[in-house]
Amino acid sequence: MKTWFTSDHHFGHGNIIKYCERPFNSVAHMNAAMQTAWNLVVEPDDAVYYLGDFAMQPLLVADILPLLNGSKILVAGNHDRCHPKIGSPTKWLQAYLDAGFESVHTELELDIAGQVVLLHHFPYRVETEPRQKYYGQRPVDNGGWLIHGHVHNRWKVSGRQINVSVENWNFEPVSLETIAGIIESGPQPPAGARSYD
């Protein structure tokens, strides 16, 4: 069993093709290509941490999610209607679970490469820019590593932030081994940051 990370497919979202310069000629082409890319790397018994913004229309979740290999854990994004602080969880949470997400969170922590790594949809907030969209929902940078989405193709790795948005990774989920390699070769956390020995 392998572990994977991905985010921001925006299934069903026509404008994302233009916004993020995706190499697809239609929504149907995009949806089919992303489904194929996922299933080429993820096996049925693998685990996938999905870091938000699965589909623009929540009803598409039930149509598409069962076609994708692996068990899926959702860290909800601003376009996931089940997000407990941004969306309408009383209306949509059960629909996302029924569609096949094993659980829904706003953030999680994992031990990766000896570090406590935060999983979140949003990148760290910039304290000097309080007008950032979703400022109150963004995690605070305490010096640790963060795996996130939301910013699409703006960066792949920025400091201790690893962006798993699909545009950066050939529309495939990113393996735990790849993430661990980035962490091991990247900047070390400052003294006092949480890590596993």
N, C-alpha and C. Protein backbone atom coordinates (compact mmCIF):
# COMPACT_ATOMS: atom_id res chain seq x y z
N MET A 1 0.84 -1.20 0.00
CA MET A 1 0.00 0.00 0.00
C MET A 1 0.88 1.25 0.00
N LYS A 2 0.56 2.19 -0.87
CA LYS A 2 1.30 3.45 -0.95
C LYS A 2 0.40 4.59 -0.52
N THR A 3 1.03 5.71 -0.18
CA THR A 3 0.32 6.91 0.23
C THR A 3 0.60 8.02 -0.77
N TRP A 4 -0.45 8.78 -1.09
CA TRP A 4 -0.37 9.83 -2.11
C TRP A 4 -1.01 11.12 -1.59
N PHE A 5 -0.66 12.23 -2.26
CA PHE A 5 -1.21 13.54 -1.93
C PHE A 5 -1.56 14.26 -3.23
N THR A 6 -2.69 14.95 -3.22
CA THR A 6 -3.08 15.73 -4.40
C THR A 6 -4.14 16.74 -4.00
N SER A 7 -4.45 17.66 -4.92
CA SER A 7 -5.49 18.66 -4.65
C SER A 7 -5.89 19.38 -5.94
N ASP A 8 -6.98 20.09 -5.84
CA ASP A 8 -7.39 21.12 -6.81
C ASP A 8 -7.66 20.60 -8.22
N HIS A 9 -8.29 19.44 -8.31
CA HIS A 9 -8.70 18.97 -9.64
C HIS A 9 -9.77 19.87 -10.25
N HIS A 10 -10.65 20.41 -9.43
CA HIS A 10 -11.74 21.25 -9.94
C HIS A 10 -12.50 20.51 -11.06
N PHE A 11 -12.82 19.26 -10.82
CA PHE A 11 -13.61 18.52 -11.81
C PHE A 11 -14.86 19.33 -12.20
N GLY A 12 -15.14 19.39 -13.48
CA GLY A 12 -16.33 20.07 -13.96
C GLY A 12 -16.20 21.57 -14.12
N HIS A 13 -15.02 22.13 -13.88
CA HIS A 13 -14.85 23.59 -13.90
C HIS A 13 -14.20 24.02 -15.22
N GLY A 14 -15.02 24.53 -16.12
CA GLY A 14 -14.51 24.92 -17.43
C GLY A 14 -13.49 26.04 -17.40
N ASN A 15 -13.72 27.05 -16.57
CA ASN A 15 -12.83 28.21 -16.57
C ASN A 15 -11.43 27.89 -16.03
N ILE A 16 -11.29 26.83 -15.26
CA ILE A 16 -9.97 26.51 -14.71
C ILE A 16 -8.99 26.13 -15.81
N ILE A 17 -9.50 25.65 -16.94
CA ILE A 17 -8.64 25.31 -18.07
C ILE A 17 -7.90 26.55 -18.54
N LYS A 18 -8.61 27.67 -18.64
CA LYS A 18 -7.99 28.93 -19.06
C LYS A 18 -7.18 29.54 -17.93
N TYR A 19 -7.75 29.61 -16.72
CA TYR A 19 -7.09 30.26 -15.60
C TYR A 19 -5.71 29.67 -15.33
N CYS A 20 -5.61 28.36 -15.41
CA CYS A 20 -4.35 27.68 -15.04
C CYS A 20 -3.63 27.08 -16.24
N GLU A 21 -4.06 27.46 -17.44
CA GLU A 21 -3.42 27.02 -18.67
C GLU A 21 -3.30 25.50 -18.73
N ARG A 22 -4.41 24.84 -18.40
CA ARG A 22 -4.43 23.38 -18.46
C ARG A 22 -4.52 22.91 -19.91
N PRO A 23 -3.85 21.81 -20.25
CA PRO A 23 -3.76 21.37 -21.66
C PRO A 23 -4.94 20.54 -22.11
N PHE A 24 -6.15 21.05 -21.90
CA PHE A 24 -7.35 20.31 -22.26
C PHE A 24 -8.24 21.19 -23.13
N ASN A 25 -9.00 20.55 -24.02
CA ASN A 25 -9.84 21.33 -24.93
C ASN A 25 -11.30 21.39 -24.51
N SER A 26 -11.67 20.70 -23.41
CA SER A 26 -13.04 20.75 -22.90
C SER A 26 -13.07 20.20 -21.48
N VAL A 27 -14.16 20.42 -20.81
CA VAL A 27 -14.33 19.87 -19.45
C VAL A 27 -14.33 18.35 -19.50
N ALA A 28 -15.01 17.76 -20.49
CA ALA A 28 -15.04 16.31 -20.60
C ALA A 28 -13.65 15.74 -20.81
N HIS A 29 -12.86 16.40 -21.65
CA HIS A 29 -11.48 15.98 -21.89
C HIS A 29 -10.67 16.07 -20.60
N MET A 30 -10.80 17.18 -19.87
CA MET A 30 -10.08 17.37 -18.62
C MET A 30 -10.46 16.31 -17.59
N ASN A 31 -11.76 16.12 -17.39
CA ASN A 31 -12.21 15.14 -16.39
C ASN A 31 -11.68 13.75 -16.70
N ALA A 32 -11.78 13.34 -17.96
CA ALA A 32 -11.33 12.00 -18.34
C ALA A 32 -9.82 11.85 -18.20
N ALA A 33 -9.07 12.87 -18.62
CA ALA A 33 -7.60 12.80 -18.54
C ALA A 33 -7.13 12.76 -17.09
N MET A 34 -7.76 13.53 -16.23
CA MET A 34 -7.34 13.55 -14.82
C MET A 34 -7.70 12.24 -14.12
N GLN A 35 -8.84 11.67 -14.49
CA GLN A 35 -9.21 10.36 -13.93
C GLN A 35 -8.19 9.29 -14.35
N THR A 36 -7.81 9.31 -15.62
CA THR A 36 -6.83 8.35 -16.12
C THR A 36 -5.48 8.53 -15.43
N ALA A 37 -5.03 9.78 -15.30
CA ALA A 37 -3.73 10.06 -14.66
C ALA A 37 -3.72 9.55 -13.22
N TRP A 38 -4.81 9.77 -12.51
CA TRP A 38 -4.93 9.29 -11.12
C TRP A 38 -4.80 7.76 -11.07
N ASN A 39 -5.59 7.08 -11.88
CA ASN A 39 -5.65 5.61 -11.81
C ASN A 39 -4.41 4.92 -12.38
N LEU A 40 -3.59 5.64 -13.13
CA LEU A 40 -2.34 5.07 -13.62
C LEU A 40 -1.31 4.92 -12.51
N VAL A 41 -1.41 5.75 -11.45
CA VAL A 41 -0.42 5.67 -10.37
C VAL A 41 -0.98 5.12 -9.07
N VAL A 42 -2.26 5.36 -8.79
CA VAL A 42 -2.86 4.94 -7.53
C VAL A 42 -3.49 3.56 -7.68
N GLU A 43 -3.12 2.64 -6.81
CA GLU A 43 -3.70 1.31 -6.80
C GLU A 43 -4.94 1.29 -5.89
N PRO A 44 -5.83 0.30 -6.06
CA PRO A 44 -7.06 0.27 -5.26
C PRO A 44 -6.85 0.25 -3.75
N ASP A 45 -5.74 -0.33 -3.27
CA ASP A 45 -5.54 -0.40 -1.82
C ASP A 45 -4.65 0.71 -1.29
N ASP A 46 -4.33 1.70 -2.12
CA ASP A 46 -3.53 2.85 -1.68
C ASP A 46 -4.39 3.85 -0.91
N ALA A 47 -3.73 4.79 -0.23
CA ALA A 47 -4.40 5.88 0.49
C ALA A 47 -4.05 7.20 -0.18
N VAL A 48 -5.06 8.05 -0.37
CA VAL A 48 -4.86 9.35 -0.99
C VAL A 48 -5.38 10.43 -0.06
N TYR A 49 -4.48 11.34 0.33
CA TYR A 49 -4.90 12.54 1.08
C TYR A 49 -5.23 13.61 0.05
N TYR A 50 -6.49 14.00 0.03
CA TYR A 50 -6.96 14.97 -0.96
C TYR A 50 -7.09 16.33 -0.27
N LEU A 51 -6.25 17.30 -0.69
CA LEU A 51 -6.15 18.57 0.02
C LEU A 51 -7.02 19.67 -0.58
N GLY A 52 -8.22 19.31 -0.94
CA GLY A 52 -9.24 20.31 -1.21
C GLY A 52 -9.50 20.66 -2.66
N ASP A 53 -10.73 21.13 -2.88
CA ASP A 53 -11.24 21.60 -4.17
C ASP A 53 -11.34 20.47 -5.20
N PHE A 54 -12.12 19.47 -4.85
CA PHE A 54 -12.29 18.31 -5.71
C PHE A 54 -13.13 18.64 -6.95
N ALA A 55 -14.31 19.21 -6.73
CA ALA A 55 -15.22 19.50 -7.86
C ALA A 55 -15.95 20.80 -7.60
N MET A 56 -16.24 21.51 -8.65
CA MET A 56 -16.95 22.79 -8.51
C MET A 56 -18.43 22.59 -8.19
N GLN A 57 -19.02 21.53 -8.70
CA GLN A 57 -20.41 21.24 -8.37
C GLN A 57 -20.41 20.04 -7.43
N PRO A 58 -20.96 20.18 -6.22
CA PRO A 58 -20.88 19.09 -5.25
C PRO A 58 -21.53 17.79 -5.73
N LEU A 59 -22.50 17.87 -6.61
CA LEU A 59 -23.14 16.65 -7.09
C LEU A 59 -22.20 15.81 -7.96
N LEU A 60 -21.14 16.45 -8.53
CA LEU A 60 -20.17 15.72 -9.32
C LEU A 60 -19.31 14.79 -8.47
N VAL A 61 -19.21 15.08 -7.17
CA VAL A 61 -18.37 14.26 -6.29
C VAL A 61 -18.83 12.81 -6.34
N ALA A 62 -20.14 12.60 -6.24
CA ALA A 62 -20.69 11.24 -6.25
C ALA A 62 -20.50 10.56 -7.60
N ASP A 63 -20.41 11.33 -8.67
CA ASP A 63 -20.23 10.74 -10.00
C ASP A 63 -18.77 10.34 -10.26
N ILE A 64 -17.83 11.15 -9.77
CA ILE A 64 -16.43 10.97 -10.14
C ILE A 64 -15.61 10.23 -9.09
N LEU A 65 -15.82 10.53 -7.82
CA LEU A 65 -14.97 9.96 -6.77
C LEU A 65 -14.92 8.43 -6.80
N PRO A 66 -16.05 7.73 -7.00
CA PRO A 66 -15.98 6.26 -7.01
C PRO A 66 -15.17 5.69 -8.18
N LEU A 67 -14.90 6.48 -9.20
CA LEU A 67 -14.12 6.02 -10.35
C LEU A 67 -12.61 6.08 -10.10
N LEU A 68 -12.21 6.69 -8.97
CA LEU A 68 -10.80 6.91 -8.67
C LEU A 68 -10.30 5.88 -7.67
N ASN A 69 -9.15 5.28 -7.94
CA ASN A 69 -8.59 4.26 -7.08
C ASN A 69 -8.20 4.81 -5.71
N GLY A 70 -8.14 3.90 -4.73
CA GLY A 70 -7.63 4.23 -3.41
C GLY A 70 -8.70 4.66 -2.44
N SER A 71 -8.33 4.63 -1.17
CA SER A 71 -9.18 5.22 -0.14
C SER A 71 -8.82 6.68 -0.03
N LYS A 72 -9.83 7.55 0.05
CA LYS A 72 -9.62 8.98 -0.04
C LYS A 72 -10.00 9.68 1.27
N ILE A 73 -9.08 10.50 1.79
CA ILE A 73 -9.31 11.31 2.99
C ILE A 73 -9.30 12.76 2.53
N LEU A 74 -10.35 13.51 2.83
CA LEU A 74 -10.48 14.89 2.36
C LEU A 74 -10.07 15.88 3.44
N VAL A 75 -9.14 16.75 3.08
CA VAL A 75 -8.88 17.98 3.85
C VAL A 75 -9.54 19.07 3.02
N ALA A 76 -10.69 19.53 3.46
CA ALA A 76 -11.58 20.33 2.62
C ALA A 76 -10.99 21.68 2.24
N GLY A 77 -11.32 22.10 1.02
CA GLY A 77 -10.91 23.40 0.51
C GLY A 77 -12.10 24.34 0.40
N ASN A 78 -11.83 25.54 -0.07
CA ASN A 78 -12.87 26.57 -0.13
C ASN A 78 -13.96 26.25 -1.15
N HIS A 79 -13.69 25.37 -2.11
CA HIS A 79 -14.73 24.98 -3.07
C HIS A 79 -15.41 23.66 -2.72
N ASP A 80 -15.05 23.07 -1.60
CA ASP A 80 -15.73 21.86 -1.15
C ASP A 80 -16.88 22.27 -0.23
N ARG A 81 -18.10 22.00 -0.66
CA ARG A 81 -19.27 22.50 0.06
C ARG A 81 -19.40 21.93 1.47
N CYS A 82 -18.65 20.87 1.77
CA CYS A 82 -18.71 20.26 3.10
C CYS A 82 -17.74 20.91 4.08
N HIS A 83 -16.96 21.91 3.66
CA HIS A 83 -16.00 22.56 4.55
C HIS A 83 -16.73 23.11 5.77
N PRO A 84 -16.29 22.75 6.98
CA PRO A 84 -17.05 23.12 8.18
C PRO A 84 -17.08 24.61 8.49
N LYS A 85 -16.18 25.41 7.92
CA LYS A 85 -16.17 26.84 8.23
C LYS A 85 -16.49 27.71 7.04
N ILE A 86 -16.33 27.18 5.84
CA ILE A 86 -16.57 27.97 4.64
C ILE A 86 -17.83 27.49 3.91
N GLY A 87 -18.09 26.19 3.95
CA GLY A 87 -19.19 25.62 3.19
C GLY A 87 -20.47 25.46 3.99
N SER A 88 -21.25 24.45 3.64
CA SER A 88 -22.52 24.16 4.30
C SER A 88 -22.50 22.70 4.77
N PRO A 89 -21.75 22.42 5.87
CA PRO A 89 -21.56 21.03 6.28
C PRO A 89 -22.86 20.33 6.67
N THR A 90 -23.81 21.04 7.23
CA THR A 90 -25.05 20.37 7.62
C THR A 90 -25.79 19.84 6.40
N LYS A 91 -25.60 20.50 5.26
CA LYS A 91 -26.27 20.07 4.03
C LYS A 91 -25.43 19.06 3.25
N TRP A 92 -24.07 19.22 3.26
CA TRP A 92 -23.25 18.49 2.30
C TRP A 92 -22.30 17.45 2.88
N LEU A 93 -22.00 17.50 4.17
CA LEU A 93 -21.00 16.58 4.71
C LEU A 93 -21.33 15.12 4.43
N GLN A 94 -22.56 14.72 4.69
CA GLN A 94 -22.92 13.32 4.49
C GLN A 94 -22.85 12.93 3.01
N ALA A 95 -23.14 13.87 2.13
CA ALA A 95 -23.04 13.58 0.69
C ALA A 95 -21.60 13.27 0.28
N TYR A 96 -20.64 14.00 0.85
CA TYR A 96 -19.23 13.74 0.54
C TYR A 96 -18.80 12.39 1.11
N LEU A 97 -19.26 12.06 2.30
CA LEU A 97 -18.94 10.76 2.90
C LEU A 97 -19.60 9.64 2.11
N ASP A 98 -20.85 9.82 1.73
CA ASP A 98 -21.55 8.81 0.95
C ASP A 98 -20.89 8.59 -0.42
N ALA A 99 -20.31 9.65 -0.97
CA ALA A 99 -19.65 9.55 -2.28
C ALA A 99 -18.37 8.73 -2.20
N GLY A 100 -17.78 8.63 -0.99
CA GLY A 100 -16.60 7.79 -0.87
C GLY A 100 -15.43 8.35 -0.10
N PHE A 101 -15.51 9.60 0.35
CA PHE A 101 -14.44 10.09 1.22
C PHE A 101 -14.57 9.39 2.57
N GLU A 102 -13.47 8.83 3.08
CA GLU A 102 -13.52 8.12 4.35
C GLU A 102 -13.75 9.06 5.53
N SER A 103 -13.21 10.27 5.43
CA SER A 103 -13.38 11.27 6.48
C SER A 103 -13.11 12.64 5.87
N VAL A 104 -13.58 13.68 6.58
CA VAL A 104 -13.42 15.06 6.12
C VAL A 104 -12.83 15.87 7.27
N HIS A 105 -11.81 16.68 6.96
CA HIS A 105 -11.10 17.47 7.98
C HIS A 105 -10.83 18.86 7.43
N THR A 106 -10.41 19.76 8.34
CA THR A 106 -9.88 21.06 7.89
C THR A 106 -8.36 21.03 7.91
N GLU A 107 -7.76 20.16 8.74
CA GLU A 107 -6.32 19.97 8.74
C GLU A 107 -5.99 18.64 9.40
N LEU A 108 -4.82 18.12 9.09
CA LEU A 108 -4.31 16.88 9.69
C LEU A 108 -2.81 17.03 9.87
N GLU A 109 -2.25 16.21 10.74
CA GLU A 109 -0.80 16.13 10.88
C GLU A 109 -0.34 14.71 10.61
N LEU A 110 0.78 14.58 9.90
CA LEU A 110 1.39 13.28 9.63
C LEU A 110 2.87 13.34 9.97
N ASP A 111 3.43 12.20 10.32
CA ASP A 111 4.87 12.07 10.49
C ASP A 111 5.46 11.69 9.14
N ILE A 112 6.25 12.59 8.55
CA ILE A 112 6.90 12.33 7.26
C ILE A 112 8.37 12.71 7.39
N ALA A 113 9.24 11.78 7.07
CA ALA A 113 10.68 12.02 7.11
C ALA A 113 11.13 12.57 8.45
N GLY A 114 10.53 12.06 9.52
CA GLY A 114 10.92 12.48 10.86
C GLY A 114 10.39 13.83 11.29
N GLN A 115 9.52 14.42 10.50
CA GLN A 115 8.95 15.73 10.82
C GLN A 115 7.44 15.63 11.02
N VAL A 116 6.91 16.50 11.88
CA VAL A 116 5.47 16.65 11.98
C VAL A 116 5.05 17.59 10.86
N VAL A 117 4.31 17.06 9.89
CA VAL A 117 3.94 17.82 8.70
C VAL A 117 2.45 18.10 8.73
N LEU A 118 2.09 19.35 8.52
CA LEU A 118 0.69 19.77 8.51
C LEU A 118 0.12 19.60 7.11
N LEU A 119 -1.08 19.04 7.02
CA LEU A 119 -1.83 18.97 5.77
C LEU A 119 -2.97 19.96 5.86
N HIS A 120 -3.09 20.83 4.88
CA HIS A 120 -4.10 21.89 4.89
C HIS A 120 -4.36 22.28 3.44
N HIS A 121 -5.56 22.76 3.16
CA HIS A 121 -5.82 23.23 1.79
C HIS A 121 -5.03 24.49 1.48
N PHE A 122 -4.98 25.40 2.43
CA PHE A 122 -4.38 26.71 2.19
C PHE A 122 -2.90 26.73 2.54
N PRO A 123 -2.11 27.57 1.83
CA PRO A 123 -0.74 27.81 2.26
C PRO A 123 -0.75 28.66 3.54
N TYR A 124 0.43 28.82 4.12
CA TYR A 124 0.54 29.65 5.31
C TYR A 124 0.05 31.07 5.02
N ARG A 125 -0.54 31.67 6.03
CA ARG A 125 -0.92 33.06 5.86
C ARG A 125 0.31 33.94 6.07
N VAL A 126 0.30 35.08 5.41
CA VAL A 126 1.37 36.06 5.55
C VAL A 126 0.88 37.11 6.53
N GLU A 127 1.50 37.14 7.69
CA GLU A 127 1.01 38.00 8.78
C GLU A 127 1.00 39.48 8.39
N THR A 128 1.86 39.86 7.45
CA THR A 128 1.91 41.27 7.04
C THR A 128 0.84 41.61 6.01
N GLU A 129 0.07 40.61 5.57
CA GLU A 129 -0.97 40.85 4.57
C GLU A 129 -2.31 40.31 5.05
N PRO A 130 -2.92 40.95 6.03
CA PRO A 130 -4.18 40.43 6.59
C PRO A 130 -5.36 40.47 5.64
N ARG A 131 -5.23 41.07 4.46
CA ARG A 131 -6.34 41.11 3.52
C ARG A 131 -6.34 39.92 2.57
N GLN A 132 -5.46 38.95 2.78
CA GLN A 132 -5.47 37.74 1.95
C GLN A 132 -6.83 37.08 2.05
N LYS A 133 -7.30 36.54 0.94
CA LYS A 133 -8.56 35.81 0.95
C LYS A 133 -8.44 34.60 1.88
N TYR A 134 -9.45 34.37 2.67
CA TYR A 134 -9.49 33.27 3.65
C TYR A 134 -8.36 33.38 4.67
N TYR A 135 -7.98 34.59 4.99
CA TYR A 135 -6.88 34.82 5.94
C TYR A 135 -7.12 34.06 7.25
N GLY A 136 -8.34 34.13 7.79
CA GLY A 136 -8.63 33.49 9.06
C GLY A 136 -8.62 31.97 9.02
N GLN A 137 -8.72 31.40 7.83
CA GLN A 137 -8.71 29.94 7.70
C GLN A 137 -7.31 29.39 7.40
N ARG A 138 -6.39 30.26 7.06
CA ARG A 138 -5.05 29.79 6.69
C ARG A 138 -4.26 29.40 7.94
N PRO A 139 -3.39 28.41 7.82
CA PRO A 139 -2.60 28.01 8.99
C PRO A 139 -1.50 29.02 9.30
N VAL A 140 -1.10 29.06 10.56
CA VAL A 140 -0.01 29.92 11.01
C VAL A 140 1.30 29.16 10.84
N ASP A 141 2.30 29.84 10.33
CA ASP A 141 3.61 29.23 10.11
C ASP A 141 4.39 29.19 11.42
N ASN A 142 4.49 27.99 11.99
CA ASN A 142 5.28 27.80 13.21
C ASN A 142 6.63 27.16 12.92
N GLY A 143 7.04 27.19 11.67
CA GLY A 143 8.35 26.69 11.30
C GLY A 143 8.37 25.29 10.74
N GLY A 144 7.24 24.60 10.75
CA GLY A 144 7.19 23.23 10.26
C GLY A 144 6.83 23.17 8.78
N TRP A 145 6.89 21.96 8.24
CA TRP A 145 6.53 21.73 6.85
C TRP A 145 5.01 21.70 6.68
N LEU A 146 4.57 22.14 5.52
CA LEU A 146 3.15 22.19 5.18
C LEU A 146 2.96 21.60 3.79
N ILE A 147 2.00 20.69 3.65
CA ILE A 147 1.56 20.21 2.33
C ILE A 147 0.19 20.83 2.09
N HIS A 148 0.02 21.48 0.96
CA HIS A 148 -1.20 22.27 0.71
C HIS A 148 -1.54 22.26 -0.77
N GLY A 149 -2.63 22.93 -1.09
CA GLY A 149 -3.04 23.18 -2.47
C GLY A 149 -3.39 24.64 -2.61
N HIS A 150 -4.53 24.92 -3.23
CA HIS A 150 -5.18 26.23 -3.34
C HIS A 150 -4.53 27.17 -4.36
N VAL A 151 -3.20 27.23 -4.41
CA VAL A 151 -2.55 28.24 -5.26
C VAL A 151 -2.23 27.71 -6.66
N HIS A 152 -2.69 26.52 -6.97
CA HIS A 152 -2.58 25.95 -8.32
C HIS A 152 -1.13 25.99 -8.81
N ASN A 153 -0.86 26.68 -9.92
CA ASN A 153 0.48 26.62 -10.51
C ASN A 153 1.37 27.79 -10.11
N ARG A 154 1.11 28.44 -8.98
CA ARG A 154 1.95 29.56 -8.56
C ARG A 154 3.33 29.11 -8.09
N TRP A 155 3.42 27.99 -7.40
CA TRP A 155 4.71 27.42 -7.02
C TRP A 155 4.53 25.94 -6.74
N LYS A 156 5.65 25.23 -6.78
CA LYS A 156 5.67 23.81 -6.44
C LYS A 156 6.15 23.63 -5.00
N VAL A 157 7.29 24.26 -4.69
CA VAL A 157 7.82 24.27 -3.33
C VAL A 157 8.24 25.70 -3.03
N SER A 158 7.80 26.20 -1.88
CA SER A 158 8.16 27.55 -1.44
C SER A 158 8.54 27.47 0.03
N GLY A 159 9.84 27.55 0.30
CA GLY A 159 10.31 27.38 1.67
C GLY A 159 9.95 25.99 2.17
N ARG A 160 9.15 25.93 3.25
CA ARG A 160 8.70 24.65 3.79
C ARG A 160 7.26 24.33 3.38
N GLN A 161 6.81 24.90 2.27
CA GLN A 161 5.47 24.64 1.76
C GLN A 161 5.58 23.83 0.47
N ILE A 162 4.87 22.69 0.44
CA ILE A 162 4.84 21.84 -0.75
C ILE A 162 3.43 21.89 -1.31
N ASN A 163 3.31 22.39 -2.53
CA ASN A 163 2.02 22.58 -3.18
C ASN A 163 1.72 21.37 -4.07
N VAL A 164 0.68 20.61 -3.70
CA VAL A 164 0.34 19.39 -4.46
C VAL A 164 -0.80 19.62 -5.46
N SER A 165 -1.07 20.87 -5.81
CA SER A 165 -2.06 21.14 -6.85
C SER A 165 -1.69 20.39 -8.13
N VAL A 166 -2.69 19.82 -8.80
CA VAL A 166 -2.43 18.90 -9.91
C VAL A 166 -1.62 19.49 -11.06
N GLU A 167 -1.72 20.79 -11.28
CA GLU A 167 -0.99 21.39 -12.41
C GLU A 167 0.52 21.21 -12.26
N ASN A 168 1.02 21.12 -11.04
CA ASN A 168 2.45 21.04 -10.80
C ASN A 168 3.03 19.63 -10.93
N TRP A 169 2.15 18.63 -11.01
CA TRP A 169 2.62 17.25 -10.92
C TRP A 169 2.04 16.39 -12.05
N ASN A 170 1.95 16.98 -13.24
CA ASN A 170 1.47 16.26 -14.42
C ASN A 170 0.09 15.64 -14.20
N PHE A 171 -0.71 16.29 -13.37
CA PHE A 171 -2.09 15.88 -13.08
C PHE A 171 -2.16 14.51 -12.38
N GLU A 172 -1.08 14.12 -11.73
CA GLU A 172 -1.04 12.87 -10.97
C GLU A 172 -0.88 13.17 -9.49
N PRO A 173 -1.39 12.31 -8.62
CA PRO A 173 -1.08 12.43 -7.20
C PRO A 173 0.43 12.28 -6.96
N VAL A 174 0.90 12.90 -5.89
CA VAL A 174 2.32 12.91 -5.53
C VAL A 174 2.55 11.85 -4.46
N SER A 175 3.58 11.03 -4.63
CA SER A 175 3.83 9.94 -3.68
C SER A 175 4.44 10.44 -2.38
N LEU A 176 4.21 9.67 -1.33
CA LEU A 176 4.82 9.96 -0.03
C LEU A 176 6.34 9.99 -0.16
N GLU A 177 6.91 9.12 -0.96
CA GLU A 177 8.36 9.08 -1.13
C GLU A 177 8.88 10.39 -1.74
N THR A 178 8.16 10.93 -2.71
CA THR A 178 8.56 12.20 -3.31
C THR A 178 8.49 13.33 -2.29
N ILE A 179 7.41 13.36 -1.52
CA ILE A 179 7.26 14.39 -0.48
C ILE A 179 8.38 14.26 0.55
N ALA A 180 8.66 13.03 0.99
CA ALA A 180 9.71 12.81 1.98
C ALA A 180 11.07 13.28 1.44
N GLY A 181 11.33 13.04 0.16
CA GLY A 181 12.58 13.48 -0.44
C GLY A 181 12.73 14.99 -0.43
N ILE A 182 11.63 15.71 -0.71
CA ILE A 182 11.67 17.17 -0.67
C ILE A 182 11.96 17.65 0.74
N ILE A 183 11.31 17.05 1.72
CA ILE A 183 11.51 17.46 3.12
C ILE A 183 12.94 17.17 3.56
N GLU A 184 13.46 16.01 3.22
CA GLU A 184 14.82 15.64 3.64
C GLU A 184 15.88 16.54 3.02
N SER A 185 15.65 17.02 1.80
CA SER A 185 16.64 17.85 1.14
C SER A 185 16.38 19.35 1.30
N GLY A 186 15.27 19.70 1.95
CA GLY A 186 14.90 21.11 2.09
C GLY A 186 15.41 21.74 3.37
N PRO A 187 14.96 22.96 3.64
CA PRO A 187 15.40 23.64 4.86
C PRO A 187 14.95 22.90 6.11
N GLN A 188 15.84 22.83 7.08
CA GLN A 188 15.51 22.15 8.33
C GLN A 188 14.70 23.09 9.22
N PRO A 189 13.80 22.52 10.02
CA PRO A 189 12.97 23.37 10.89
C PRO A 189 13.82 24.05 11.94
N PRO A 190 13.39 25.23 12.40
CA PRO A 190 14.16 25.93 13.43
C PRO A 190 14.12 25.18 14.77
N ALA A 191 15.04 25.52 15.64
CA ALA A 191 15.07 24.92 16.97
C ALA A 191 13.74 25.14 17.65
N GLY A 192 13.22 24.09 18.26
CA GLY A 192 11.94 24.19 18.96
C GLY A 192 10.76 23.73 18.15
N ALA A 193 10.91 23.60 16.82
CA ALA A 193 9.81 23.10 16.00
C ALA A 193 9.61 21.62 16.30
N ARG A 194 8.37 21.17 16.20
CA ARG A 194 8.07 19.77 16.51
C ARG A 194 8.63 18.83 15.46
N SER A 195 9.26 17.77 15.91
CA SER A 195 9.72 16.73 15.00
C SER A 195 9.76 15.42 15.76
N TYR A 196 9.85 14.32 15.01
CA TYR A 196 9.96 12.99 15.61
C TYR A 196 11.42 12.56 15.56
N ASP A 197 11.94 12.01 16.65
CA ASP A 197 13.31 11.51 16.67
C ASP A 197 13.30 10.01 16.45
